[in-house]
Amino acid sequence: MKVHTPHNLDICASVLTIGALDGVHRGHQALLSKAKIRAEELDVPFVVYTFDPPPKVFFRNCLLLTTLEEKLERLENMGADHVIVGSFNELFAKQDIPVFIKELKEICPIEIWEGPNFLFGKNRKGTIQTLSQHFNVKIQPPVICEKGEVISSSRIRQLYKEKNSTQANHLLGWKNSLIEI
């Protein structure tokens, strides 16, 4: 797996997924697995575009579930061929949707795989519908845990806050060594 900064990946086709992917939890794993399978079927590289720090950590100072190094290791284990790491900062947060769309076009995605609630761009105004106007977007339904809740980084953070590391680690799909309770 190769790690890139934005605008430094020169490929002519890809299957892409974009997201903070903090925790690389079971929901992320389902999305990444589907995208990887499609990349193999289409015989193109599987590219992940992620952020450091994750936007929620930047804006709300939320608990970080994975370090960048740990996230990259998990993405490599999930079969990513290339990972683009965007530095999420004040400038990136103010980026208009057309600017980010133009950047994504440089990656030449044949398909972009996302969850149904994917938002992007300045003030999170970009939606799946916005993305679909420019790309062939595929939606991975949310993964629901045994208790009937959607697996999400926010839910996992809440479980850690409640000191329920057993359930949090179950939703992650791995034991988190970053957070000690």
C-alpha atoms as a PDB file:
ATOM      1  CA  MET A   1       0.000   0.000   0.000  1.00  0.00           C
ATOM      2  CA  LYS A   2       1.225   3.467  -0.872  1.00  0.00           C
ATOM      3  CA  VAL A   3       0.350   6.585   1.120  1.00  0.00           C
ATOM      4  CA  HIS A   4      -0.096   9.915  -0.682  1.00  0.00           C
ATOM      5  CA  THR A   5      -0.939  13.518   0.015  1.00  0.00           C
ATOM      6  CA  PRO A   6      -3.723  15.116  -2.079  1.00  0.00           C
ATOM      7  CA  HIS A   7      -2.843  15.781  -5.733  1.00  0.00           C
ATOM      8  CA  ASN A   8       0.054  13.276  -5.634  1.00  0.00           C
ATOM      9  CA  LEU A   9      -1.589  10.146  -7.019  1.00  0.00           C
ATOM     10  CA  ASP A  10      -1.268   9.550 -10.742  1.00  0.00           C
ATOM     11  CA  ILE A  11      -3.626   6.770 -11.820  1.00  0.00           C
ATOM     12  CA  CYS A  12      -6.083   6.439 -14.683  1.00  0.00           C
ATOM     13  CA  ALA A  13      -8.858   4.482 -12.925  1.00  0.00           C
ATOM     14  CA  SER A  14      -9.846   3.471  -9.403  1.00  0.00           C
ATOM     15  CA  VAL A  15     -12.535   2.417  -6.995  1.00  0.00           C
ATOM     16  CA  LEU A  16     -12.619   5.036  -4.259  1.00  0.00           C
ATOM     17  CA  THR A  17     -14.026   5.445  -0.783  1.00  0.00           C
ATOM     18  CA  ILE A  18     -13.792   8.676   1.209  1.00  0.00           C
ATOM     19  CA  GLY A  19     -14.134   9.132   4.929  1.00  0.00           C
ATOM     20  CA  ALA A  20     -12.664   9.922   8.307  1.00  0.00           C
ATOM     21  CA  LEU A  21     -12.711   6.180   9.087  1.00  0.00           C
ATOM     22  CA  ASP A  22     -11.843   6.846  12.719  1.00  0.00           C
ATOM     23  CA  GLY A  23     -11.689   3.451  14.373  1.00  0.00           C
ATOM     24  CA  VAL A  24     -11.975   1.511  11.098  1.00  0.00           C
ATOM     25  CA  HIS A  25     -14.925  -0.192  12.837  1.00  0.00           C
ATOM     26  CA  ARG A  26     -17.132  -3.028  11.590  1.00  0.00           C
ATOM     27  CA  GLY A  27     -19.292  -0.616   9.584  1.00  0.00           C
ATOM     28  CA  HIS A  28     -16.212   0.811   7.857  1.00  0.00           C
ATOM     29  CA  GLN A  29     -14.909  -2.717   7.330  1.00  0.00           C
ATOM     30  CA  ALA A  30     -18.098  -3.708   5.456  1.00  0.00           C
ATOM     31  CA  LEU A  31     -17.775  -0.640   3.208  1.00  0.00           C
ATOM     32  CA  LEU A  32     -14.070  -1.197   2.580  1.00  0.00           C
ATOM     33  CA  SER A  33     -14.609  -4.886   1.803  1.00  0.00           C
ATOM     34  CA  LYS A  34     -17.285  -4.124  -0.804  1.00  0.00           C
ATOM     35  CA  ALA A  35     -15.130  -1.441  -2.431  1.00  0.00           C
ATOM     36  CA  LYS A  36     -12.103  -3.761  -2.488  1.00  0.00           C
ATOM     37  CA  ILE A  37     -14.125  -6.536  -4.137  1.00  0.00           C
ATOM     38  CA  ARG A  38     -15.345  -4.101  -6.820  1.00  0.00           C
ATOM     39  CA  ALA A  39     -11.801  -2.865  -7.443  1.00  0.00           C
ATOM     40  CA  GLU A  40     -10.684  -6.462  -7.969  1.00  0.00           C
ATOM     41  CA  GLU A  41     -13.646  -7.175 -10.282  1.00  0.00           C
ATOM     42  CA  LEU A  42     -12.860  -4.053 -12.320  1.00  0.00           C
ATOM     43  CA  ASP A  43      -9.102  -4.721 -12.144  1.00  0.00           C
ATOM     44  CA  VAL A  44      -8.321  -1.220 -10.884  1.00  0.00           C
ATOM     45  CA  PRO A  45      -6.605   0.088  -7.734  1.00  0.00           C
ATOM     46  CA  PHE A  46      -8.614   0.440  -4.531  1.00  0.00           C
ATOM     47  CA  VAL A  47      -8.082   3.979  -3.191  1.00  0.00           C
ATOM     48  CA  VAL A  48      -9.084   5.313   0.216  1.00  0.00           C
ATOM     49  CA  TYR A  49      -9.205   9.070   0.849  1.00  0.00           C
ATOM     50  CA  THR A  50      -9.088   9.822   4.570  1.00  0.00           C
ATOM     51  CA  PHE A  51      -8.296  12.716   6.870  1.00  0.00           C
ATOM     52  CA  ASP A  52      -5.887  13.510   9.665  1.00  0.00           C
ATOM     53  CA  PRO A  53      -7.198  14.521  12.074  1.00  0.00           C
ATOM     54  CA  PRO A  54     -10.755  13.272  11.518  1.00  0.00           C
ATOM     55  CA  PRO A  55     -13.155  16.235  11.116  1.00  0.00           C
ATOM     56  CA  LYS A  56     -15.034  15.493  14.374  1.00  0.00           C
ATOM     57  CA  VAL A  57     -11.760  15.534  16.273  1.00  0.00           C
ATOM     58  CA  PHE A  58     -10.811  18.833  14.590  1.00  0.00           C
ATOM     59  CA  PHE A  59     -14.154  20.577  15.188  1.00  0.00           C
ATOM     60  CA  ARG A  60     -15.321  19.059  18.471  1.00  0.00           C
ATOM     61  CA  ASN A  61     -12.130  17.730  20.027  1.00  0.00           C
ATOM     62  CA  CYS A  62     -13.754  14.275  20.183  1.00  0.00           C
ATOM     63  CA  LEU A  63     -11.947  11.202  21.422  1.00  0.00           C
ATOM     64  CA  LEU A  64      -9.626   9.849  18.710  1.00  0.00           C
ATOM     65  CA  LEU A  65     -10.266   6.121  18.185  1.00  0.00           C
ATOM     66  CA  THR A  66      -7.170   5.405  16.084  1.00  0.00           C
ATOM     67  CA  THR A  67      -3.878   7.120  15.447  1.00  0.00           C
ATOM     68  CA  LEU A  68      -3.064   7.777  11.811  1.00  0.00           C
ATOM     69  CA  GLU A  69      -0.475   4.978  11.906  1.00  0.00           C
ATOM     70  CA  GLU A  70      -3.002   2.503  13.284  1.00  0.00           C
ATOM     71  CA  LYS A  71      -5.614   3.584  10.725  1.00  0.00           C
ATOM     72  CA  LEU A  72      -3.129   3.124   7.881  1.00  0.00           C
ATOM     73  CA  GLU A  73      -2.215  -0.330   9.169  1.00  0.00           C
ATOM     74  CA  ARG A  74      -5.884  -1.326   9.301  1.00  0.00           C
ATOM     75  CA  LEU A  75      -6.512   0.086   5.801  1.00  0.00           C
ATOM     76  CA  GLU A  76      -3.568  -1.893   4.469  1.00  0.00           C
ATOM     77  CA  ASN A  77      -4.998  -5.024   6.110  1.00  0.00           C
ATOM     78  CA  MET A  78      -8.325  -4.261   4.387  1.00  0.00           C
ATOM     79  CA  GLY A  79      -6.580  -4.310   1.010  1.00  0.00           C
ATOM     80  CA  ALA A  80      -6.221  -0.630   0.117  1.00  0.00           C
ATOM     81  CA  ASP A  81      -3.729  -0.147  -2.711  1.00  0.00           C
ATOM     82  CA  HIS A  82      -3.417   3.605  -2.154  1.00  0.00           C
ATOM     83  CA  VAL A  83      -4.411   5.866   0.730  1.00  0.00           C
ATOM     84  CA  ILE A  84      -4.617   9.616   0.321  1.00  0.00           C
ATOM     85  CA  VAL A  85      -4.324  11.446   3.639  1.00  0.00           C
ATOM     86  CA  GLY A  86      -5.743  14.949   3.565  1.00  0.00           C
ATOM     87  CA  SER A  87      -4.660  17.267   6.363  1.00  0.00           C
ATOM     88  CA  PHE A  88      -7.922  18.395   7.897  1.00  0.00           C
ATOM     89  CA  ASN A  89      -7.395  21.975   8.995  1.00  0.00           C
ATOM     90  CA  GLU A  90      -9.166  25.338   8.838  1.00  0.00           C
ATOM     91  CA  LEU A  91      -8.304  25.781   5.149  1.00  0.00           C
ATOM     92  CA  PHE A  92      -9.540  22.305   4.188  1.00  0.00           C
ATOM     93  CA  ALA A  93     -12.735  22.800   6.227  1.00  0.00           C
ATOM     94  CA  LYS A  94     -13.552  25.912   4.165  1.00  0.00           C
ATOM     95  CA  GLN A  95     -12.996  24.175   0.825  1.00  0.00           C
ATOM     96  CA  ASP A  96     -15.919  24.587  -1.561  1.00  0.00           C
ATOM     97  CA  ILE A  97     -17.596  21.498  -2.985  1.00  0.00           C
ATOM     98  CA  PRO A  98     -16.477  22.080  -6.620  1.00  0.00           C
ATOM     99  CA  VAL A  99     -12.838  22.236  -5.488  1.00  0.00           C
ATOM    100  CA  PHE A 100     -13.094  18.858  -3.738  1.00  0.00           C
ATOM    101  CA  ILE A 101     -15.006  17.346  -6.698  1.00  0.00           C
ATOM    102  CA  LYS A 102     -12.192  18.499  -9.009  1.00  0.00           C
ATOM    103  CA  GLU A 103      -9.642  16.870  -6.701  1.00  0.00           C
ATOM    104  CA  LEU A 104     -11.611  13.610  -6.708  1.00  0.00           C
ATOM    105  CA  LYS A 105     -11.728  13.631 -10.517  1.00  0.00           C
ATOM    106  CA  GLU A 106      -7.905  13.479 -10.481  1.00  0.00           C
ATOM    107  CA  ILE A 107      -8.233  10.021  -8.900  1.00  0.00           C
ATOM    108  CA  CYS A 108     -10.385   8.862 -11.857  1.00  0.00           C
ATOM    109  CA  PRO A 109     -12.898   6.821  -9.864  1.00  0.00           C
ATOM    110  CA  ILE A 110     -14.972   4.344 -11.837  1.00  0.00           C
ATOM    111  CA  GLU A 111     -17.031   3.927  -8.670  1.00  0.00           C
ATOM    112  CA  ILE A 112     -17.140   5.723  -5.325  1.00  0.00           C
ATOM    113  CA  TRP A 113     -18.407   3.679  -2.371  1.00  0.00           C
ATOM    114  CA  GLU A 114     -19.956   5.488   0.601  1.00  0.00           C
ATOM    115  CA  GLY A 115     -22.372   5.068   3.459  1.00  0.00           C
ATOM    116  CA  PRO A 116     -25.857   6.572   3.002  1.00  0.00           C
ATOM    117  CA  ASN A 117     -25.195   9.597   5.230  1.00  0.00           C
ATOM    118  CA  PHE A 118     -21.942  10.736   3.625  1.00  0.00           C
ATOM    119  CA  LEU A 119     -21.470  14.527   3.714  1.00  0.00           C
ATOM    120  CA  PHE A 120     -18.527  16.601   2.509  1.00  0.00           C
ATOM    121  CA  GLY A 121     -17.311  20.078   1.673  1.00  0.00           C
ATOM    122  CA  LYS A 122     -17.711  23.420   3.390  1.00  0.00           C
ATOM    123  CA  ASN A 123     -20.373  23.213   6.122  1.00  0.00           C
ATOM    124  CA  ARG A 124     -20.977  19.576   5.082  1.00  0.00           C
ATOM    125  CA  LYS A 125     -23.245  20.749   2.261  1.00  0.00           C
ATOM    126  CA  GLY A 126     -22.104  18.073  -0.200  1.00  0.00           C
ATOM    127  CA  THR A 127     -24.320  14.984  -0.157  1.00  0.00           C
ATOM    128  CA  ILE A 128     -24.530  11.612  -1.853  1.00  0.00           C
ATOM    129  CA  GLN A 129     -26.758  13.306  -4.444  1.00  0.00           C
ATOM    130  CA  THR A 130     -24.087  15.965  -5.062  1.00  0.00           C
ATOM    131  CA  LEU A 131     -21.452  13.274  -5.505  1.00  0.00           C
ATOM    132  CA  SER A 132     -23.784  11.288  -7.812  1.00  0.00           C
ATOM    133  CA  GLN A 133     -24.007  14.245 -10.203  1.00  0.00           C
ATOM    134  CA  HIS A 134     -20.315  13.739 -10.995  1.00  0.00           C
ATOM    135  CA  PHE A 135     -19.536  10.074 -10.260  1.00  0.00           C
ATOM    136  CA  ASN A 136     -20.967   6.570 -10.219  1.00  0.00           C
ATOM    137  CA  VAL A 137     -21.741   6.298  -6.490  1.00  0.00           C
ATOM    138  CA  LYS A 138     -22.524   3.024  -4.741  1.00  0.00           C
ATOM    139  CA  ILE A 139     -24.099   2.959  -1.294  1.00  0.00           C
ATOM    140  CA  GLN A 140     -23.185   0.496   1.446  1.00  0.00           C
ATOM    141  CA  PRO A 141     -26.074   0.217   3.925  1.00  0.00           C
ATOM    142  CA  PRO A 142     -25.235   0.832   7.571  1.00  0.00           C
ATOM    143  CA  VAL A 143     -24.158  -2.157   9.634  1.00  0.00           C
ATOM    144  CA  ILE A 144     -26.490  -2.808  12.548  1.00  0.00           C
ATOM    145  CA  CYS A 145     -25.207  -4.436  15.733  1.00  0.00           C
ATOM    146  CA  GLU A 146     -27.020  -7.144  17.679  1.00  0.00           C
ATOM    147  CA  LYS A 147     -28.707  -4.483  19.834  1.00  0.00           C
ATOM    148  CA  GLY A 148     -30.268  -2.918  16.729  1.00  0.00           C
ATOM    149  CA  GLU A 149     -28.062   0.189  16.670  1.00  0.00           C
ATOM    150  CA  VAL A 150     -26.058   1.473  13.722  1.00  0.00           C
ATOM    151  CA  ILE A 151     -22.340   0.893  14.205  1.00  0.00           C
ATOM    152  CA  SER A 152     -20.673   4.310  14.110  1.00  0.00           C
ATOM    153  CA  SER A 153     -17.595   6.034  15.475  1.00  0.00           C
ATOM    154  CA  SER A 154     -19.885   8.317  17.502  1.00  0.00           C
ATOM    155  CA  ARG A 155     -21.605   5.322  19.119  1.00  0.00           C
ATOM    156  CA  ILE A 156     -18.240   3.733  19.920  1.00  0.00           C
ATOM    157  CA  ARG A 157     -17.002   6.976  21.495  1.00  0.00           C
ATOM    158  CA  GLN A 158     -20.151   7.058  23.636  1.00  0.00           C
ATOM    159  CA  LEU A 159     -19.545   3.468  24.785  1.00  0.00           C
ATOM    160  CA  TYR A 160     -15.999   4.370  25.835  1.00  0.00           C
ATOM    161  CA  LYS A 161     -17.353   7.414  27.672  1.00  0.00           C
ATOM    162  CA  GLU A 162     -19.747   5.049  29.491  1.00  0.00           C
ATOM    163  CA  LYS A 163     -16.731   2.842  30.308  1.00  0.00           C
ATOM    164  CA  ASN A 164     -18.146  -0.018  28.233  1.00  0.00           C
ATOM    165  CA  SER A 165     -14.955  -1.030  26.433  1.00  0.00           C
ATOM    166  CA  THR A 166     -16.192  -4.603  25.849  1.00  0.00           C
ATOM    167  CA  GLN A 167     -19.113  -3.420  23.688  1.00  0.00           C
ATOM    168  CA  ALA A 168     -17.007  -0.650  22.083  1.00  0.00           C
ATOM    169  CA  ASN A 169     -14.311  -3.139  21.085  1.00  0.00           C
ATOM    170  CA  HIS A 170     -17.013  -5.490  19.758  1.00  0.00           C
ATOM    171  CA  LEU A 171     -18.334  -2.733  17.469  1.00  0.00           C
ATOM    172  CA  LEU A 172     -14.795  -1.886  16.419  1.00  0.00           C
ATOM    173  CA  GLY A 173     -14.094  -5.516  15.598  1.00  0.00           C
ATOM    174  CA  TRP A 174     -10.735  -5.320  17.380  1.00  0.00           C
ATOM    175  CA  LYS A 175      -9.299  -4.457  20.792  1.00  0.00           C
ATOM    176  CA  ASN A 176      -8.424  -0.772  20.985  1.00  0.00           C
ATOM    177  CA  SER A 177      -5.121  -0.268  22.782  1.00  0.00           C
ATOM    178  CA  LEU A 178      -5.262   3.536  22.363  1.00  0.00           C
ATOM    179  CA  ILE A 179      -8.043   3.962  24.913  1.00  0.00           C
ATOM    180  CA  GLU A 180      -7.546   2.718  28.441  1.00  0.00           C
ATOM    181  CA  ILE A 181     -10.535   2.572  30.743  1.00  0.00           C
END
